[in-house]
Amino acid sequence: MLLADAAQAVDGKLYVLGGGWSIAGPGAVSMAIALKLEVPWDRTNERHHWRLDLVDGDGHPVLVQTGDGPAPLNVAGELEVGRPVGVAPGTPIDVPMAINLPPLPLPPGRRLVWRLTIDGEAREDWQLAFTTRP
């Protein structure tokens, strides 16, 4: 996972603009999250649910104002990848993903973390932390 100003996933590759930052703001911040997932061979041809949640340094959801009031900030979707012809059995299959977010009013002077969950599983290395300026 990589934070960037913008990202695209095209033809199995990630194109990243302004990638690799970890300090943002002050003020509203637009960002992209570039992901390269490796789906194990035995988990191809299955639908997988993924979710990114933005939490603070204490693990509490970061709330953003919506038309219905404050709500946790998250992005979710599903993916399914097939086994390409000619690829050796057992080879993990790459899935590049680019999630571009509009300017977000984030809390100033805080450490924030994007946490990735796939099929309900979250791992320590599936996190992307950054800090907002005061």
N, C-alpha and C. Protein backbone atom coordinates (compact mmCIF):
# COMPACT_ATOMS: atom_id res chain seq x y z
N MET A 1 0.85 -1.18 0.00
CA MET A 1 0.00 0.00 0.00
C MET A 1 0.89 1.23 0.00
N LEU A 2 0.44 2.26 -0.72
CA LEU A 2 1.21 3.49 -0.85
C LEU A 2 0.26 4.67 -0.92
N LEU A 3 0.53 5.72 -0.16
CA LEU A 3 -0.23 6.97 -0.26
C LEU A 3 0.34 7.81 -1.39
N ALA A 4 -0.56 8.44 -2.14
CA ALA A 4 -0.13 9.25 -3.27
C ALA A 4 -1.10 10.41 -3.46
N ASP A 5 -0.71 11.34 -4.32
CA ASP A 5 -1.61 12.42 -4.70
C ASP A 5 -2.69 11.91 -5.65
N ALA A 6 -2.31 10.98 -6.53
CA ALA A 6 -3.24 10.37 -7.48
C ALA A 6 -2.67 9.04 -7.93
N ALA A 7 -3.54 8.12 -8.34
CA ALA A 7 -3.09 6.81 -8.82
C ALA A 7 -4.09 6.25 -9.82
N GLN A 8 -3.60 5.39 -10.70
CA GLN A 8 -4.45 4.67 -11.66
C GLN A 8 -3.97 3.23 -11.73
N ALA A 9 -4.90 2.31 -11.92
CA ALA A 9 -4.58 0.92 -12.20
C ALA A 9 -5.02 0.64 -13.63
N VAL A 10 -4.04 0.39 -14.51
CA VAL A 10 -4.32 0.20 -15.93
C VAL A 10 -3.51 -0.99 -16.45
N ASP A 11 -4.19 -1.93 -17.10
CA ASP A 11 -3.54 -3.08 -17.72
C ASP A 11 -2.59 -3.81 -16.78
N GLY A 12 -3.02 -3.99 -15.54
CA GLY A 12 -2.22 -4.76 -14.59
C GLY A 12 -1.07 -4.01 -13.95
N LYS A 13 -1.01 -2.69 -14.16
CA LYS A 13 0.07 -1.88 -13.58
C LYS A 13 -0.51 -0.72 -12.79
N LEU A 14 0.27 -0.23 -11.83
CA LEU A 14 -0.10 0.97 -11.07
C LEU A 14 0.68 2.16 -11.60
N TYR A 15 -0.02 3.25 -11.83
CA TYR A 15 0.60 4.52 -12.19
C TYR A 15 0.33 5.48 -11.03
N VAL A 16 1.42 5.98 -10.43
CA VAL A 16 1.32 6.76 -9.20
C VAL A 16 1.92 8.14 -9.41
N LEU A 17 1.19 9.17 -8.98
CA LEU A 17 1.67 10.55 -9.05
C LEU A 17 1.81 11.08 -7.62
N GLY A 18 2.97 11.58 -7.30
CA GLY A 18 3.19 12.14 -5.96
C GLY A 18 3.08 11.08 -4.87
N GLY A 19 3.67 9.94 -5.08
CA GLY A 19 3.52 8.82 -4.14
C GLY A 19 4.57 8.78 -3.05
N GLY A 20 4.20 8.18 -1.93
CA GLY A 20 5.15 7.93 -0.85
C GLY A 20 5.16 8.94 0.26
N TRP A 21 4.16 9.79 0.35
CA TRP A 21 4.15 10.79 1.43
C TRP A 21 3.53 10.22 2.70
N SER A 22 3.84 10.87 3.82
CA SER A 22 3.27 10.44 5.11
C SER A 22 2.87 11.60 6.01
N ILE A 23 2.97 12.84 5.47
CA ILE A 23 2.55 14.03 6.21
C ILE A 23 1.65 14.84 5.28
N ALA A 24 0.49 15.26 5.78
CA ALA A 24 -0.49 15.95 4.94
C ALA A 24 -1.06 17.17 5.64
N GLY A 25 -1.67 18.03 4.84
CA GLY A 25 -2.38 19.18 5.39
C GLY A 25 -1.46 20.36 5.58
N PRO A 26 -1.92 21.39 6.27
CA PRO A 26 -3.20 21.49 6.95
C PRO A 26 -4.35 21.66 5.95
N GLY A 27 -5.53 21.55 6.45
CA GLY A 27 -6.72 21.69 5.62
C GLY A 27 -7.12 20.39 4.97
N ALA A 28 -8.13 20.48 4.12
CA ALA A 28 -8.66 19.30 3.44
C ALA A 28 -7.58 18.68 2.55
N VAL A 29 -7.54 17.37 2.51
CA VAL A 29 -6.50 16.64 1.81
C VAL A 29 -7.13 15.66 0.82
N SER A 30 -6.73 15.78 -0.46
CA SER A 30 -7.11 14.74 -1.41
C SER A 30 -5.96 13.74 -1.45
N MET A 31 -6.29 12.49 -1.67
CA MET A 31 -5.26 11.46 -1.65
C MET A 31 -5.71 10.27 -2.47
N ALA A 32 -4.74 9.43 -2.76
CA ALA A 32 -5.01 8.16 -3.41
C ALA A 32 -4.29 7.08 -2.62
N ILE A 33 -4.86 5.90 -2.64
CA ILE A 33 -4.22 4.74 -2.04
C ILE A 33 -3.97 3.76 -3.17
N ALA A 34 -2.69 3.47 -3.40
CA ALA A 34 -2.31 2.51 -4.43
C ALA A 34 -2.05 1.17 -3.74
N LEU A 35 -2.72 0.14 -4.22
CA LEU A 35 -2.58 -1.20 -3.63
C LEU A 35 -2.14 -2.19 -4.69
N LYS A 36 -1.26 -3.10 -4.31
CA LYS A 36 -0.94 -4.25 -5.16
C LYS A 36 -1.22 -5.48 -4.31
N LEU A 37 -2.31 -6.13 -4.62
CA LEU A 37 -2.68 -7.34 -3.90
C LEU A 37 -2.16 -8.54 -4.65
N GLU A 38 -1.80 -9.58 -3.91
CA GLU A 38 -1.42 -10.86 -4.51
C GLU A 38 -2.42 -11.89 -4.04
N VAL A 39 -3.24 -12.37 -4.96
CA VAL A 39 -4.25 -13.37 -4.62
C VAL A 39 -3.60 -14.74 -4.77
N PRO A 40 -3.58 -15.53 -3.69
CA PRO A 40 -3.00 -16.87 -3.79
C PRO A 40 -3.73 -17.71 -4.84
N TRP A 41 -2.99 -18.58 -5.51
CA TRP A 41 -3.53 -19.42 -6.57
C TRP A 41 -4.81 -20.13 -6.15
N ASP A 42 -4.81 -20.66 -4.94
CA ASP A 42 -5.98 -21.42 -4.48
C ASP A 42 -7.14 -20.54 -4.05
N ARG A 43 -6.98 -19.20 -4.11
CA ARG A 43 -8.07 -18.28 -3.77
C ARG A 43 -8.55 -17.51 -5.00
N THR A 44 -8.05 -17.88 -6.19
CA THR A 44 -8.56 -17.27 -7.42
C THR A 44 -9.94 -17.85 -7.72
N ASN A 45 -10.63 -17.20 -8.64
CA ASN A 45 -11.98 -17.62 -9.04
C ASN A 45 -12.95 -17.62 -7.86
N GLU A 46 -12.68 -16.79 -6.87
CA GLU A 46 -13.57 -16.57 -5.73
C GLU A 46 -13.78 -15.07 -5.59
N ARG A 47 -14.93 -14.71 -5.09
CA ARG A 47 -15.20 -13.29 -4.80
C ARG A 47 -14.62 -12.96 -3.42
N HIS A 48 -13.89 -11.84 -3.36
CA HIS A 48 -13.28 -11.39 -2.10
C HIS A 48 -13.80 -9.99 -1.78
N HIS A 49 -14.17 -9.77 -0.53
CA HIS A 49 -14.62 -8.46 -0.07
C HIS A 49 -13.44 -7.76 0.60
N TRP A 50 -13.19 -6.51 0.22
CA TRP A 50 -12.14 -5.72 0.85
C TRP A 50 -12.73 -4.44 1.42
N ARG A 51 -12.03 -3.89 2.40
CA ARG A 51 -12.49 -2.66 3.05
C ARG A 51 -11.29 -1.91 3.60
N LEU A 52 -11.29 -0.60 3.39
CA LEU A 52 -10.30 0.30 3.98
C LEU A 52 -11.02 1.20 4.98
N ASP A 53 -10.55 1.21 6.23
CA ASP A 53 -11.11 2.06 7.27
C ASP A 53 -10.06 3.04 7.73
N LEU A 54 -10.43 4.31 7.87
CA LEU A 54 -9.52 5.31 8.41
C LEU A 54 -9.77 5.42 9.91
N VAL A 55 -8.71 5.17 10.69
CA VAL A 55 -8.81 5.23 12.14
C VAL A 55 -7.72 6.16 12.67
N ASP A 56 -7.91 6.62 13.91
CA ASP A 56 -6.89 7.45 14.54
C ASP A 56 -5.85 6.55 15.21
N GLY A 57 -4.86 7.18 15.84
CA GLY A 57 -3.78 6.44 16.48
C GLY A 57 -4.23 5.50 17.58
N ASP A 58 -5.42 5.73 18.12
CA ASP A 58 -5.97 4.85 19.16
C ASP A 58 -6.89 3.78 18.59
N GLY A 59 -7.04 3.75 17.27
CA GLY A 59 -7.89 2.75 16.64
C GLY A 59 -9.35 3.12 16.53
N HIS A 60 -9.70 4.36 16.88
CA HIS A 60 -11.09 4.82 16.77
C HIS A 60 -11.37 5.31 15.35
N PRO A 61 -12.56 5.04 14.80
CA PRO A 61 -12.88 5.50 13.45
C PRO A 61 -12.79 7.02 13.33
N VAL A 62 -12.26 7.49 12.21
CA VAL A 62 -12.25 8.91 11.90
C VAL A 62 -13.60 9.24 11.28
N LEU A 63 -14.27 10.24 11.83
CA LEU A 63 -15.61 10.61 11.36
C LEU A 63 -15.51 11.80 10.40
N VAL A 64 -16.32 11.75 9.35
CA VAL A 64 -16.44 12.87 8.43
C VAL A 64 -17.90 13.27 8.38
N GLN A 65 -18.14 14.53 8.10
CA GLN A 65 -19.51 15.04 8.06
C GLN A 65 -20.17 14.64 6.75
N THR A 66 -21.35 14.06 6.85
CA THR A 66 -22.15 13.71 5.67
C THR A 66 -23.49 14.42 5.78
N GLY A 67 -24.34 14.25 4.80
CA GLY A 67 -25.67 14.84 4.84
C GLY A 67 -26.51 14.31 5.99
N ASP A 68 -26.16 13.12 6.48
CA ASP A 68 -26.88 12.50 7.60
C ASP A 68 -26.16 12.67 8.93
N GLY A 69 -25.11 13.50 8.97
CA GLY A 69 -24.35 13.68 10.19
C GLY A 69 -23.00 12.99 10.09
N PRO A 70 -22.25 12.93 11.21
CA PRO A 70 -20.92 12.32 11.18
C PRO A 70 -21.01 10.81 10.90
N ALA A 71 -20.06 10.32 10.09
CA ALA A 71 -20.02 8.89 9.76
C ALA A 71 -18.56 8.45 9.64
N PRO A 72 -18.28 7.19 9.97
CA PRO A 72 -16.91 6.67 9.81
C PRO A 72 -16.48 6.72 8.35
N LEU A 73 -15.21 7.01 8.13
CA LEU A 73 -14.67 7.09 6.78
C LEU A 73 -14.13 5.72 6.37
N ASN A 74 -14.74 5.15 5.34
CA ASN A 74 -14.27 3.87 4.83
C ASN A 74 -14.60 3.75 3.35
N VAL A 75 -13.91 2.85 2.70
CA VAL A 75 -14.11 2.55 1.28
C VAL A 75 -14.12 1.03 1.19
N ALA A 76 -15.05 0.46 0.42
CA ALA A 76 -15.14 -0.99 0.34
C ALA A 76 -15.51 -1.42 -1.07
N GLY A 77 -15.24 -2.66 -1.36
CA GLY A 77 -15.59 -3.22 -2.66
C GLY A 77 -15.34 -4.71 -2.69
N GLU A 78 -15.52 -5.27 -3.86
CA GLU A 78 -15.28 -6.70 -4.06
C GLU A 78 -14.37 -6.88 -5.27
N LEU A 79 -13.66 -8.00 -5.27
CA LEU A 79 -12.81 -8.33 -6.40
C LEU A 79 -12.86 -9.84 -6.63
N GLU A 80 -12.63 -10.21 -7.85
CA GLU A 80 -12.50 -11.62 -8.21
C GLU A 80 -11.51 -11.69 -9.35
N VAL A 81 -10.55 -12.57 -9.25
CA VAL A 81 -9.52 -12.70 -10.28
C VAL A 81 -9.47 -14.15 -10.74
N GLY A 82 -9.33 -14.31 -12.04
CA GLY A 82 -9.20 -15.65 -12.61
C GLY A 82 -7.74 -16.03 -12.81
N ARG A 83 -7.55 -17.26 -13.18
CA ARG A 83 -6.19 -17.76 -13.45
C ARG A 83 -5.88 -17.56 -14.93
N PRO A 84 -4.88 -16.73 -15.23
CA PRO A 84 -4.54 -16.48 -16.64
C PRO A 84 -4.00 -17.74 -17.31
N VAL A 85 -4.28 -17.88 -18.59
CA VAL A 85 -3.78 -19.00 -19.38
C VAL A 85 -2.25 -18.95 -19.41
N GLY A 86 -1.62 -20.09 -19.21
CA GLY A 86 -0.17 -20.19 -19.33
C GLY A 86 0.62 -19.86 -18.08
N VAL A 87 -0.05 -19.44 -17.01
CA VAL A 87 0.66 -19.14 -15.77
C VAL A 87 0.83 -20.44 -14.98
N ALA A 88 2.03 -20.65 -14.46
CA ALA A 88 2.34 -21.88 -13.74
C ALA A 88 1.44 -22.03 -12.53
N PRO A 89 0.89 -23.23 -12.30
CA PRO A 89 0.08 -23.47 -11.11
C PRO A 89 0.85 -23.09 -9.84
N GLY A 90 0.14 -22.46 -8.91
CA GLY A 90 0.75 -22.02 -7.65
C GLY A 90 1.21 -20.58 -7.66
N THR A 91 1.23 -19.94 -8.84
CA THR A 91 1.67 -18.55 -8.95
C THR A 91 0.59 -17.61 -8.39
N PRO A 92 0.96 -16.73 -7.42
CA PRO A 92 -0.03 -15.74 -6.97
C PRO A 92 -0.34 -14.77 -8.11
N ILE A 93 -1.57 -14.29 -8.15
CA ILE A 93 -2.02 -13.40 -9.21
C ILE A 93 -2.10 -11.97 -8.67
N ASP A 94 -1.41 -11.05 -9.35
CA ASP A 94 -1.39 -9.64 -8.94
C ASP A 94 -2.72 -8.97 -9.27
N VAL A 95 -3.16 -8.12 -8.34
CA VAL A 95 -4.34 -7.29 -8.55
C VAL A 95 -3.99 -5.87 -8.13
N PRO A 96 -3.66 -4.99 -9.09
CA PRO A 96 -3.41 -3.60 -8.73
C PRO A 96 -4.73 -2.86 -8.56
N MET A 97 -4.78 -1.99 -7.56
CA MET A 97 -5.98 -1.19 -7.30
C MET A 97 -5.56 0.24 -6.98
N ALA A 98 -6.35 1.19 -7.45
CA ALA A 98 -6.12 2.61 -7.15
C ALA A 98 -7.41 3.21 -6.63
N ILE A 99 -7.37 3.72 -5.41
CA ILE A 99 -8.54 4.35 -4.80
C ILE A 99 -8.22 5.83 -4.64
N ASN A 100 -8.92 6.66 -5.40
CA ASN A 100 -8.71 8.11 -5.34
C ASN A 100 -9.84 8.74 -4.52
N LEU A 101 -9.46 9.57 -3.57
CA LEU A 101 -10.43 10.18 -2.66
C LEU A 101 -10.45 11.69 -2.86
N PRO A 102 -11.62 12.30 -2.74
CA PRO A 102 -11.73 13.76 -2.88
C PRO A 102 -11.11 14.43 -1.65
N PRO A 103 -10.98 15.75 -1.67
CA PRO A 103 -10.45 16.44 -0.49
C PRO A 103 -11.27 16.09 0.76
N LEU A 104 -10.56 15.65 1.79
CA LEU A 104 -11.20 15.23 3.03
C LEU A 104 -10.81 16.17 4.16
N PRO A 105 -11.78 16.64 4.95
CA PRO A 105 -11.45 17.48 6.10
C PRO A 105 -11.00 16.58 7.26
N LEU A 106 -9.69 16.38 7.37
CA LEU A 106 -9.15 15.48 8.39
C LEU A 106 -8.79 16.24 9.65
N PRO A 107 -8.84 15.58 10.80
CA PRO A 107 -8.48 16.25 12.05
C PRO A 107 -7.02 16.68 12.04
N PRO A 108 -6.72 17.92 12.46
CA PRO A 108 -5.34 18.41 12.43
C PRO A 108 -4.49 17.83 13.56
N GLY A 109 -3.18 17.72 13.27
CA GLY A 109 -2.22 17.31 14.29
C GLY A 109 -2.44 15.91 14.82
N ARG A 110 -2.83 14.98 13.95
CA ARG A 110 -3.15 13.61 14.40
C ARG A 110 -2.40 12.59 13.56
N ARG A 111 -2.19 11.45 14.14
CA ARG A 111 -1.66 10.29 13.42
C ARG A 111 -2.87 9.46 12.99
N LEU A 112 -2.99 9.19 11.70
CA LEU A 112 -4.12 8.45 11.15
C LEU A 112 -3.62 7.21 10.43
N VAL A 113 -4.47 6.21 10.34
CA VAL A 113 -4.07 4.94 9.75
C VAL A 113 -5.20 4.40 8.86
N TRP A 114 -4.86 4.07 7.62
CA TRP A 114 -5.77 3.32 6.77
C TRP A 114 -5.53 1.84 7.07
N ARG A 115 -6.58 1.12 7.45
CA ARG A 115 -6.49 -0.31 7.76
C ARG A 115 -7.24 -1.09 6.69
N LEU A 116 -6.56 -2.04 6.09
CA LEU A 116 -7.15 -2.88 5.06
C LEU A 116 -7.63 -4.19 5.67
N THR A 117 -8.83 -4.58 5.30
CA THR A 117 -9.39 -5.87 5.69
C THR A 117 -9.82 -6.58 4.42
N ILE A 118 -9.46 -7.85 4.30
CA ILE A 118 -9.88 -8.65 3.16
C ILE A 118 -10.56 -9.90 3.70
N ASP A 119 -11.80 -10.10 3.28
CA ASP A 119 -12.61 -11.24 3.74
C ASP A 119 -12.62 -11.34 5.27
N GLY A 120 -12.70 -10.17 5.93
CA GLY A 120 -12.77 -10.13 7.38
C GLY A 120 -11.43 -10.27 8.08
N GLU A 121 -10.36 -10.48 7.33
CA GLU A 121 -9.02 -10.64 7.92
C GLU A 121 -8.25 -9.33 7.83
N ALA A 122 -7.68 -8.92 8.96
CA ALA A 122 -6.81 -7.74 9.01
C ALA A 122 -5.46 -8.18 9.53
N ARG A 123 -4.41 -7.64 8.94
CA ARG A 123 -3.06 -7.98 9.40
C ARG A 123 -2.30 -6.70 9.71
N GLU A 124 -1.30 -6.84 10.55
CA GLU A 124 -0.47 -5.69 10.96
C GLU A 124 0.16 -4.99 9.75
N ASP A 125 0.59 -5.76 8.75
CA ASP A 125 1.26 -5.15 7.60
C ASP A 125 0.29 -4.62 6.56
N TRP A 126 -1.00 -4.72 6.82
CA TRP A 126 -2.01 -4.16 5.92
C TRP A 126 -2.48 -2.81 6.46
N GLN A 127 -1.55 -1.96 6.87
CA GLN A 127 -1.86 -0.64 7.41
C GLN A 127 -0.98 0.41 6.74
N LEU A 128 -1.53 1.60 6.63
CA LEU A 128 -0.83 2.71 5.99
C LEU A 128 -1.05 3.95 6.85
N ALA A 129 -0.01 4.39 7.54
CA ALA A 129 -0.15 5.50 8.49
C ALA A 129 0.37 6.82 7.89
N PHE A 130 -0.24 7.91 8.33
CA PHE A 130 0.21 9.25 7.98
C PHE A 130 -0.19 10.21 9.09
N THR A 131 0.42 11.40 9.07
CA THR A 131 0.18 12.43 10.09
C THR A 131 -0.36 13.68 9.41
N THR A 132 -1.31 14.33 10.08
CA THR A 132 -1.81 15.62 9.59
C THR A 132 -1.13 16.75 10.35
N ARG A 133 -0.80 17.81 9.64
CA ARG A 133 -0.17 18.97 10.27
C ARG A 133 -1.21 19.72 11.12
N PRO A 134 -0.74 20.41 12.17
CA PRO A 134 -1.68 21.20 12.99
C PRO A 134 -2.22 22.39 12.21
